[in-house]
Amino acid sequence: MSPSRAPARGYRPPRPRGEVLTAVLGVALVVAVASALIWLLAPDDPDADIPEFTPPPITATTTLPPSSTTTPSTAPG
């Protein structure tokens, strides 16, 4: 018969405050830098004409070797 609850895994102490603070500050720094770059690199005029990107047409190319026009040679015999 299986037990009704999972076995105890022992005491897990909480993470140190310094580690949590470092993680929070790191995430805040990444978000702040990303926001600043988006703001700085955004176009100045919101009504500016931004050209649409149209990819070039894809041409199908074959990589087959050229066909042979010589006649097969016979072995000397």
PDB file of N, CA and C in Angstrom:
ATOM      1  N   MET A   1       0.838  -1.172   0.000  1.00  0.00           N
ATOM      2  CA  MET A   1       0.000   0.000   0.000  1.00  0.00           C
ATOM      3  C   MET A   1       0.892   1.248   0.000  1.00  0.00           C
ATOM      4  N   SER A   2       0.575   2.221  -0.849  1.00  0.00           N
ATOM      5  CA  SER A   2       1.412   3.409  -0.969  1.00  0.00           C
ATOM      6  C   SER A   2       1.111   4.404   0.154  1.00  0.00           C
ATOM      7  N   PRO A   3       2.112   5.196   0.536  1.00  0.00           N
ATOM      8  CA  PRO A   3       1.870   6.174   1.602  1.00  0.00           C
ATOM      9  C   PRO A   3       0.924   7.268   1.123  1.00  0.00           C
ATOM     10  N   SER A   4       0.214   7.885   2.034  1.00  0.00           N
ATOM     11  CA  SER A   4      -0.782   8.890   1.668  1.00  0.00           C
ATOM     12  C   SER A   4      -0.160  10.250   1.373  1.00  0.00           C
ATOM     13  N   ARG A   5       1.091  10.460   1.769  1.00  0.00           N
ATOM     14  CA  ARG A   5       1.743  11.727   1.456  1.00  0.00           C
ATOM     15  C   ARG A   5       3.205  11.493   1.082  1.00  0.00           C
ATOM     16  N   ALA A   6       3.778  12.481   0.444  1.00  0.00           N
ATOM     17  CA  ALA A   6       5.153  12.364  -0.022  1.00  0.00           C
ATOM     18  C   ALA A   6       6.101  12.332   1.171  1.00  0.00           C
ATOM     19  N   PRO A   7       7.230  11.669   1.043  1.00  0.00           N
ATOM     20  CA  PRO A   7       8.184  11.633   2.150  1.00  0.00           C
ATOM     21  C   PRO A   7       8.789  13.016   2.406  1.00  0.00           C
ATOM     22  N   ALA A   8       9.158  13.283   3.630  1.00  0.00           N
ATOM     23  CA  ALA A   8       9.747  14.565   4.000  1.00  0.00           C
ATOM     24  C   ALA A   8      11.133  14.683   3.374  1.00  0.00           C
ATOM     25  N   ARG A   9      11.457  15.856   2.894  1.00  0.00           N
ATOM     26  CA  ARG A   9      12.755  16.068   2.239  1.00  0.00           C
ATOM     27  C   ARG A   9      13.732  16.790   3.153  1.00  0.00           C
ATOM     28  N   GLY A  10      13.333  17.064   4.326  1.00  0.00           N
ATOM     29  CA  GLY A  10      14.235  17.728   5.241  1.00  0.00           C
ATOM     30  C   GLY A  10      14.060  19.227   5.211  1.00  0.00           C
ATOM     31  N   TYR A  11      14.777  19.907   6.074  1.00  0.00           N
ATOM     32  CA  TYR A  11      14.681  21.364   6.188  1.00  0.00           C
ATOM     33  C   TYR A  11      15.491  22.033   5.094  1.00  0.00           C
ATOM     34  N   ARG A  12      14.862  22.964   4.389  1.00  0.00           N
ATOM     35  CA  ARG A  12      15.551  23.770   3.386  1.00  0.00           C
ATOM     36  C   ARG A  12      15.562  25.207   3.870  1.00  0.00           C
ATOM     37  N   PRO A  13      16.696  25.710   4.276  1.00  0.00           N
ATOM     38  CA  PRO A  13      16.737  27.090   4.776  1.00  0.00           C
ATOM     39  C   PRO A  13      16.432  28.076   3.658  1.00  0.00           C
ATOM     40  N   PRO A  14      15.851  29.237   3.995  1.00  0.00           N
ATOM     41  CA  PRO A  14      15.559  30.239   2.962  1.00  0.00           C
ATOM     42  C   PRO A  14      16.853  30.790   2.370  1.00  0.00           C
ATOM     43  N   ARG A  15      16.730  31.380   1.193  1.00  0.00           N
ATOM     44  CA  ARG A  15      17.902  31.939   0.535  1.00  0.00           C
ATOM     45  C   ARG A  15      18.421  33.139   1.328  1.00  0.00           C
ATOM     46  N   PRO A  16      19.718  33.344   1.293  1.00  0.00           N
ATOM     47  CA  PRO A  16      20.276  34.520   1.985  1.00  0.00           C
ATOM     48  C   PRO A  16      19.750  35.813   1.371  1.00  0.00           C
ATOM     49  N   ARG A  17      19.586  36.835   2.199  1.00  0.00           N
ATOM     50  CA  ARG A  17      19.031  38.110   1.728  1.00  0.00           C
ATOM     51  C   ARG A  17      19.926  38.758   0.684  1.00  0.00           C
ATOM     52  N   GLY A  18      21.209  38.601   0.817  1.00  0.00           N
ATOM     53  CA  GLY A  18      22.124  39.193  -0.154  1.00  0.00           C
ATOM     54  C   GLY A  18      21.937  38.604  -1.548  1.00  0.00           C
ATOM     55  N   GLU A  19      21.686  37.300  -1.606  1.00  0.00           N
ATOM     56  CA  GLU A  19      21.466  36.655  -2.902  1.00  0.00           C
ATOM     57  C   GLU A  19      20.175  37.138  -3.543  1.00  0.00           C
ATOM     58  N   VAL A  20      19.126  37.267  -2.746  1.00  0.00           N
ATOM     59  CA  VAL A  20      17.843  37.749  -3.269  1.00  0.00           C
ATOM     60  C   VAL A  20      17.976  39.203  -3.713  1.00  0.00           C
ATOM     61  N   LEU A  21      18.650  40.016  -2.918  1.00  0.00           N
ATOM     62  CA  LEU A  21      18.835  41.427  -3.268  1.00  0.00           C
ATOM     63  C   LEU A  21      19.644  41.566  -4.555  1.00  0.00           C
ATOM     64  N   THR A  22      20.677  40.755  -4.723  1.00  0.00           N
ATOM     65  CA  THR A  22      21.483  40.794  -5.943  1.00  0.00           C
ATOM     66  C   THR A  22      20.648  40.421  -7.164  1.00  0.00           C
ATOM     67  N   ALA A  23      19.805  39.414  -7.031  1.00  0.00           N
ATOM     68  CA  ALA A  23      18.964  38.998  -8.156  1.00  0.00           C
ATOM     69  C   ALA A  23      17.957  40.093  -8.515  1.00  0.00           C
ATOM     70  N   VAL A  24      17.343  40.688  -7.515  1.00  0.00           N
ATOM     71  CA  VAL A  24      16.352  41.741  -7.774  1.00  0.00           C
ATOM     72  C   VAL A  24      17.019  42.948  -8.425  1.00  0.00           C
ATOM     73  N   LEU A  25      18.180  43.350  -7.919  1.00  0.00           N
ATOM     74  CA  LEU A  25      18.881  44.493  -8.515  1.00  0.00           C
ATOM     75  C   LEU A  25      19.351  44.188  -9.939  1.00  0.00           C
ATOM     76  N   GLY A  26      19.768  42.962 -10.185  1.00  0.00           N
ATOM     77  CA  GLY A  26      20.183  42.581 -11.533  1.00  0.00           C
ATOM     78  C   GLY A  26      19.041  42.657 -12.526  1.00  0.00           C
ATOM     79  N   VAL A  27      17.885  42.157 -12.140  1.00  0.00           N
ATOM     80  CA  VAL A  27      16.716  42.206 -13.028  1.00  0.00           C
ATOM     81  C   VAL A  27      16.286  43.650 -13.245  1.00  0.00           C
ATOM     82  N   ALA A  28      16.298  44.454 -12.185  1.00  0.00           N
ATOM     83  CA  ALA A  28      15.918  45.865 -12.318  1.00  0.00           C
ATOM     84  C   ALA A  28      16.883  46.603 -13.240  1.00  0.00           C
ATOM     85  N   LEU A  29      18.167  46.293 -13.147  1.00  0.00           N
ATOM     86  CA  LEU A  29      19.156  46.930 -14.015  1.00  0.00           C
ATOM     87  C   LEU A  29      18.937  46.556 -15.478  1.00  0.00           C
ATOM     88  N   VAL A  30      18.658  45.290 -15.743  1.00  0.00           N
ATOM     89  CA  VAL A  30      18.420  44.850 -17.122  1.00  0.00           C
ATOM     90  C   VAL A  30      17.178  45.530 -17.695  1.00  0.00           C
ATOM     91  N   VAL A  31      16.119  45.620 -16.912  1.00  0.00           N
ATOM     92  CA  VAL A  31      14.891  46.277 -17.382  1.00  0.00           C
ATOM     93  C   VAL A  31      15.142  47.763 -17.617  1.00  0.00           C
ATOM     94  N   ALA A  32      15.902  48.411 -16.730  1.00  0.00           N
ATOM     95  CA  ALA A  32      16.182  49.837 -16.883  1.00  0.00           C
ATOM     96  C   ALA A  32      17.023  50.099 -18.130  1.00  0.00           C
ATOM     97  N   VAL A  33      18.036  49.294 -18.373  1.00  0.00           N
ATOM     98  CA  VAL A  33      18.878  49.484 -19.554  1.00  0.00           C
ATOM     99  C   VAL A  33      18.078  49.233 -20.828  1.00  0.00           C
ATOM    100  N   ALA A  34      17.257  48.191 -20.838  1.00  0.00           N
ATOM    101  CA  ALA A  34      16.444  47.906 -22.027  1.00  0.00           C
ATOM    102  C   ALA A  34      15.465  49.046 -22.298  1.00  0.00           C
ATOM    103  N   SER A  35      14.832  49.567 -21.252  1.00  0.00           N
ATOM    104  CA  SER A  35      13.891  50.675 -21.428  1.00  0.00           C
ATOM    105  C   SER A  35      14.606  51.926 -21.944  1.00  0.00           C
ATOM    106  N   ALA A  36      15.783  52.208 -21.400  1.00  0.00           N
ATOM    107  CA  ALA A  36      16.531  53.380 -21.848  1.00  0.00           C
ATOM    108  C   ALA A  36      16.948  53.246 -23.306  1.00  0.00           C
ATOM    109  N   LEU A  37      17.390  52.069 -23.705  1.00  0.00           N
ATOM    110  CA  LEU A  37      17.794  51.873 -25.102  1.00  0.00           C
ATOM    111  C   LEU A  37      16.604  51.987 -26.048  1.00  0.00           C
ATOM    112  N   ILE A  38      15.469  51.454 -25.650  1.00  0.00           N
ATOM    113  CA  ILE A  38      14.273  51.579 -26.499  1.00  0.00           C
ATOM    114  C   ILE A  38      13.894  53.049 -26.635  1.00  0.00           C
ATOM    115  N   TRP A  39      13.963  53.797 -25.544  1.00  0.00           N
ATOM    116  CA  TRP A  39      13.596  55.204 -25.573  1.00  0.00           C
ATOM    117  C   TRP A  39      14.596  56.012 -26.397  1.00  0.00           C
ATOM    118  N   LEU A  40      15.880  55.719 -26.239  1.00  0.00           N
ATOM    119  CA  LEU A  40      16.902  56.470 -26.970  1.00  0.00           C
ATOM    120  C   LEU A  40      16.934  56.144 -28.459  1.00  0.00           C
ATOM    121  N   LEU A  41      16.672  54.896 -28.804  1.00  0.00           N
ATOM    122  CA  LEU A  41      16.790  54.490 -30.204  1.00  0.00           C
ATOM    123  C   LEU A  41      15.478  54.600 -30.978  1.00  0.00           C
ATOM    124  N   ALA A  42      14.416  55.049 -30.324  1.00  0.00           N
ATOM    125  CA  ALA A  42      13.131  55.206 -31.006  1.00  0.00           C
ATOM    126  C   ALA A  42      13.212  56.381 -31.966  1.00  0.00           C
ATOM    127  N   PRO A  43      12.448  56.339 -33.064  1.00  0.00           N
ATOM    128  CA  PRO A  43      12.461  57.476 -33.992  1.00  0.00           C
ATOM    129  C   PRO A  43      11.912  58.731 -33.304  1.00  0.00           C
ATOM    130  N   ASP A  44      12.455  59.899 -33.669  1.00  0.00           N
ATOM    131  CA  ASP A  44      12.037  61.152 -33.044  1.00  0.00           C
ATOM    132  C   ASP A  44      10.611  61.534 -33.429  1.00  0.00           C
ATOM    133  N   ASP A  45      10.270  61.343 -34.685  1.00  0.00           N
ATOM    134  CA  ASP A  45       8.955  61.728 -35.181  1.00  0.00           C
ATOM    135  C   ASP A  45       8.060  60.493 -35.250  1.00  0.00           C
ATOM    136  N   PRO A  46       6.988  60.455 -34.456  1.00  0.00           N
ATOM    137  CA  PRO A  46       6.135  59.262 -34.508  1.00  0.00           C
ATOM    138  C   PRO A  46       5.391  59.110 -35.834  1.00  0.00           C
ATOM    139  N   ASP A  47       5.258  60.214 -36.598  1.00  0.00           N
ATOM    140  CA  ASP A  47       4.571  60.142 -37.892  1.00  0.00           C
ATOM    141  C   ASP A  47       5.536  59.954 -39.049  1.00  0.00           C
ATOM    142  N   ALA A  48       6.781  59.611 -38.748  1.00  0.00           N
ATOM    143  CA  ALA A  48       7.782  59.441 -39.797  1.00  0.00           C
ATOM    144  C   ALA A  48       7.418  58.256 -40.680  1.00  0.00           C
ATOM    145  N   ASP A  49       7.736  58.404 -41.961  1.00  0.00           N
ATOM    146  CA  ASP A  49       7.466  57.316 -42.898  1.00  0.00           C
ATOM    147  C   ASP A  49       8.562  56.265 -42.754  1.00  0.00           C
ATOM    148  N   ILE A  50       8.176  55.140 -42.247  1.00  0.00           N
ATOM    149  CA  ILE A  50       9.119  54.039 -42.099  1.00  0.00           C
ATOM    150  C   ILE A  50       8.914  53.112 -43.296  1.00  0.00           C
ATOM    151  N   PRO A  51       9.952  52.913 -44.101  1.00  0.00           N
ATOM    152  CA  PRO A  51       9.773  52.062 -45.282  1.00  0.00           C
ATOM    153  C   PRO A  51       9.473  50.620 -44.886  1.00  0.00           C
ATOM    154  N   GLU A  52       8.602  50.012 -45.654  1.00  0.00           N
ATOM    155  CA  GLU A  52       8.276  48.614 -45.403  1.00  0.00           C
ATOM    156  C   GLU A  52       9.331  47.726 -46.026  1.00  0.00           C
ATOM    157  N   PHE A  53       9.647  46.663 -45.357  1.00  0.00           N
ATOM    158  CA  PHE A  53      10.642  45.726 -45.864  1.00  0.00           C
ATOM    159  C   PHE A  53       9.954  44.715 -46.763  1.00  0.00           C
ATOM    160  N   THR A  54      10.432  44.606 -47.981  1.00  0.00           N
ATOM    161  CA  THR A  54       9.924  43.580 -48.887  1.00  0.00           C
ATOM    162  C   THR A  54      11.099  42.678 -49.242  1.00  0.00           C
ATOM    163  N   PRO A  55      11.021  41.432 -48.866  1.00  0.00           N
ATOM    164  CA  PRO A  55      12.138  40.528 -49.163  1.00  0.00           C
ATOM    165  C   PRO A  55      12.287  40.303 -50.659  1.00  0.00           C
ATOM    166  N   PRO A  56      13.496  40.087 -51.121  1.00  0.00           N
ATOM    167  CA  PRO A  56      13.709  39.835 -52.547  1.00  0.00           C
ATOM    168  C   PRO A  56      13.093  38.494 -52.932  1.00  0.00           C
ATOM    169  N   PRO A  57      12.703  38.357 -54.190  1.00  0.00           N
ATOM    170  CA  PRO A  57      12.109  37.084 -54.608  1.00  0.00           C
ATOM    171  C   PRO A  57      13.135  35.956 -54.540  1.00  0.00           C
ATOM    172  N   ILE A  58      12.650  34.812 -54.209  1.00  0.00           N
ATOM    173  CA  ILE A  58      13.516  33.644 -54.097  1.00  0.00           C
ATOM    174  C   ILE A  58      13.537  32.932 -55.443  1.00  0.00           C
ATOM    175  N   THR A  59      14.732  32.750 -55.976  1.00  0.00           N
ATOM    176  CA  THR A  59      14.847  32.053 -57.252  1.00  0.00           C
ATOM    177  C   THR A  59      15.334  30.636 -56.982  1.00  0.00           C
ATOM    178  N   ALA A  60      14.735  29.708 -57.680  1.00  0.00           N
ATOM    179  CA  ALA A  60      15.118  28.310 -57.513  1.00  0.00           C
ATOM    180  C   ALA A  60      16.357  28.031 -58.356  1.00  0.00           C
ATOM    181  N   THR A  61      17.374  27.545 -57.719  1.00  0.00           N
ATOM    182  CA  THR A  61      18.588  27.191 -58.442  1.00  0.00           C
ATOM    183  C   THR A  61      18.822  25.700 -58.281  1.00  0.00           C
ATOM    184  N   THR A  62      19.340  25.101 -59.328  1.00  0.00           N
ATOM    185  CA  THR A  62      19.626  23.675 -59.261  1.00  0.00           C
ATOM    186  C   THR A  62      21.120  23.487 -59.093  1.00  0.00           C
ATOM    187  N   THR A  63      21.473  22.461 -58.392  1.00  0.00           N
ATOM    188  CA  THR A  63      22.892  22.179 -58.184  1.00  0.00           C
ATOM    189  C   THR A  63      23.274  20.851 -58.829  1.00  0.00           C
ATOM    190  N   LEU A  64      22.566  20.482 -59.876  1.00  0.00           N
ATOM    191  CA  LEU A  64      22.866  19.235 -60.566  1.00  0.00           C
ATOM    192  C   LEU A  64      24.078  19.426 -61.470  1.00  0.00           C
ATOM    193  N   PRO A  65      24.889  18.399 -61.617  1.00  0.00           N
ATOM    194  CA  PRO A  65      26.037  18.522 -62.522  1.00  0.00           C
ATOM    195  C   PRO A  65      25.542  18.603 -63.969  1.00  0.00           C
ATOM    196  N   PRO A  66      26.331  19.199 -64.858  1.00  0.00           N
ATOM    197  CA  PRO A  66      25.900  19.283 -66.259  1.00  0.00           C
ATOM    198  C   PRO A  66      25.815  17.892 -66.882  1.00  0.00           C
ATOM    199  N   SER A  67      24.884  17.778 -67.792  1.00  0.00           N
ATOM    200  CA  SER A  67      24.694  16.455 -68.417  1.00  0.00           C
ATOM    201  C   SER A  67      25.871  16.123 -69.320  1.00  0.00           C
ATOM    202  N   SER A  68      26.166  14.848 -69.394  1.00  0.00           N
ATOM    203  CA  SER A  68      27.287  14.392 -70.208  1.00  0.00           C
ATOM    204  C   SER A  68      26.809  14.158 -71.629  1.00  0.00           C
ATOM    205  N   THR A  69      27.544  14.695 -72.604  1.00  0.00           N
ATOM    206  CA  THR A  69      27.177  14.489 -74.013  1.00  0.00           C
ATOM    207  C   THR A  69      28.105  13.523 -74.716  1.00  0.00           C
ATOM    208  N   THR A  70      29.098  12.998 -74.020  1.00  0.00           N
ATOM    209  CA  THR A  70      30.011  12.049 -74.658  1.00  0.00           C
ATOM    210  C   THR A  70      29.418  10.660 -74.583  1.00  0.00           C
ATOM    211  N   THR A  71      29.818   9.843 -75.510  1.00  0.00           N
ATOM    212  CA  THR A  71      29.319   8.466 -75.521  1.00  0.00           C
ATOM    213  C   THR A  71      30.181   7.641 -74.583  1.00  0.00           C
ATOM    214  N   PRO A  72      29.587   6.682 -73.929  1.00  0.00           N
ATOM    215  CA  PRO A  72      30.383   5.861 -73.009  1.00  0.00           C
ATOM    216  C   PRO A  72      31.429   5.056 -73.782  1.00  0.00           C
ATOM    217  N   SER A  73      32.606   4.997 -73.224  1.00  0.00           N
ATOM    218  CA  SER A  73      33.679   4.264 -73.901  1.00  0.00           C
ATOM    219  C   SER A  73      33.597   2.790 -73.505  1.00  0.00           C
ATOM    220  N   THR A  74      34.065   1.969 -74.391  1.00  0.00           N
ATOM    221  CA  THR A  74      34.086   0.528 -74.118  1.00  0.00           C
ATOM    222  C   THR A  74      35.474   0.134 -73.649  1.00  0.00           C
ATOM    223  N   ALA A  75      35.506  -0.824 -72.796  1.00  0.00           N
ATOM    224  CA  ALA A  75      36.781  -1.279 -72.272  1.00  0.00           C
ATOM    225  C   ALA A  75      37.550  -2.009 -73.364  1.00  0.00           C
ATOM    226  N   PRO A  76      38.859  -1.765 -73.439  1.00  0.00           N
ATOM    227  CA  PRO A  76      39.634  -2.488 -74.457  1.00  0.00           C
ATOM    228  C   PRO A  76      39.599  -3.982 -74.153  1.00  0.00           C
ATOM    229  N   GLY A  77      39.516  -4.711 -75.151  1.00  0.00           N
ATOM    230  CA  GLY A  77      39.380  -6.115 -74.858  1.00  0.00           C
ATOM    231  C   GLY A  77      39.746  -7.020 -75.847  1.00  0.00           C
TER     232      GLY A  77
END
